[in-house]
Amino acid sequence: MNSSNHDGQKSRRRGITSLTLGWLAERLRRAEKIKEQLQKGTYKVDSSKVAQSIANKD
């Protein structure tokens, strides 16, 4: 079965490399944002996310 977009054209499936690069680029953007916030002294830790992460580790 072929995927198609709104115009009836075949959509191009994204390969694992482009998905990995997209994920990596997003991680780098997030890391840079956090670094900037740390330098400015405006970074706030989301304690509920920290607690949730700790609780999910067995």
C-alpha atoms as a PDB file:
ATOM      1  CA  MET A   1       0.000   0.000   0.000  1.00  0.00           C
ATOM      2  CA  ASN A   2       1.445   3.391  -0.973  1.00  0.00           C
ATOM      3  CA  SER A   3       1.156   6.448   1.207  1.00  0.00           C
ATOM      4  CA  SER A   4      -0.218   9.576  -0.392  1.00  0.00           C
ATOM      5  CA  ASN A   5      -0.560  13.198   0.596  1.00  0.00           C
ATOM      6  CA  HIS A   6      -3.527  15.551   0.223  1.00  0.00           C
ATOM      7  CA  ASP A   7      -2.935  16.071  -3.516  1.00  0.00           C
ATOM      8  CA  GLY A   8      -2.971  12.371  -4.366  1.00  0.00           C
ATOM      9  CA  GLN A   9       0.794  12.330  -4.917  1.00  0.00           C
ATOM     10  CA  LYS A  10       2.928   9.619  -3.401  1.00  0.00           C
ATOM     11  CA  SER A  11       4.574  10.820  -0.212  1.00  0.00           C
ATOM     12  CA  ARG A  12       8.203  10.025   0.270  1.00  0.00           C
ATOM     13  CA  ARG A  13       8.960   7.788   3.220  1.00  0.00           C
ATOM     14  CA  ARG A  14      11.618   9.153   5.488  1.00  0.00           C
ATOM     15  CA  GLY A  15      14.600   6.896   5.933  1.00  0.00           C
ATOM     16  CA  ILE A  16      16.061   6.001   9.280  1.00  0.00           C
ATOM     17  CA  THR A  17      19.020   8.312   8.646  1.00  0.00           C
ATOM     18  CA  SER A  18      16.854  11.399   8.168  1.00  0.00           C
ATOM     19  CA  LEU A  19      14.767  10.466  11.223  1.00  0.00           C
ATOM     20  CA  THR A  20      17.916  10.026  13.307  1.00  0.00           C
ATOM     21  CA  LEU A  21      19.352  13.315  12.081  1.00  0.00           C
ATOM     22  CA  GLY A  22      16.084  15.092  12.862  1.00  0.00           C
ATOM     23  CA  TRP A  23      16.087  13.639  16.366  1.00  0.00           C
ATOM     24  CA  LEU A  24      19.720  14.593  16.868  1.00  0.00           C
ATOM     25  CA  ALA A  25      19.155  18.145  15.598  1.00  0.00           C
ATOM     26  CA  GLU A  26      16.249  18.580  18.023  1.00  0.00           C
ATOM     27  CA  ARG A  27      18.368  17.302  20.938  1.00  0.00           C
ATOM     28  CA  LEU A  28      21.127  19.771  20.041  1.00  0.00           C
ATOM     29  CA  ARG A  29      18.641  22.665  19.861  1.00  0.00           C
ATOM     30  CA  ARG A  30      17.247  21.729  23.275  1.00  0.00           C
ATOM     31  CA  ALA A  31      20.747  21.426  24.763  1.00  0.00           C
ATOM     32  CA  GLU A  32      21.750  24.846  23.416  1.00  0.00           C
ATOM     33  CA  LYS A  33      18.580  26.397  24.828  1.00  0.00           C
ATOM     34  CA  ILE A  34      19.304  24.914  28.259  1.00  0.00           C
ATOM     35  CA  LYS A  35      22.933  26.108  28.112  1.00  0.00           C
ATOM     36  CA  GLU A  36      21.752  29.651  27.338  1.00  0.00           C
ATOM     37  CA  GLN A  37      19.255  29.542  30.201  1.00  0.00           C
ATOM     38  CA  LEU A  38      21.945  28.264  32.582  1.00  0.00           C
ATOM     39  CA  GLN A  39      24.275  31.110  31.600  1.00  0.00           C
ATOM     40  CA  LYS A  40      21.512  33.662  32.138  1.00  0.00           C
ATOM     41  CA  GLY A  41      20.458  32.061  35.416  1.00  0.00           C
ATOM     42  CA  THR A  42      16.913  31.523  34.155  1.00  0.00           C
ATOM     43  CA  TYR A  43      16.884  27.706  33.931  1.00  0.00           C
ATOM     44  CA  LYS A  44      14.190  26.045  36.027  1.00  0.00           C
ATOM     45  CA  VAL A  45      14.178  22.318  36.735  1.00  0.00           C
ATOM     46  CA  ASP A  46      10.813  20.629  36.167  1.00  0.00           C
ATOM     47  CA  SER A  47      10.719  18.633  39.397  1.00  0.00           C
ATOM     48  CA  SER A  48       7.659  16.634  38.337  1.00  0.00           C
ATOM     49  CA  LYS A  49       9.515  15.369  35.236  1.00  0.00           C
ATOM     50  CA  VAL A  50      12.541  14.480  37.368  1.00  0.00           C
ATOM     51  CA  ALA A  51      10.364  12.598  39.843  1.00  0.00           C
ATOM     52  CA  GLN A  52       8.509  10.817  37.041  1.00  0.00           C
ATOM     53  CA  SER A  53      11.801   9.768  35.459  1.00  0.00           C
ATOM     54  CA  ILE A  54      13.098   8.418  38.753  1.00  0.00           C
ATOM     55  CA  ALA A  55       9.844   6.556  39.446  1.00  0.00           C
ATOM     56  CA  ASN A  56       9.922   4.868  36.007  1.00  0.00           C
ATOM     57  CA  LYS A  57      13.399   3.395  36.609  1.00  0.00           C
ATOM     58  CA  ASP A  58      13.226  -0.070  38.128  1.00  0.00           C
END
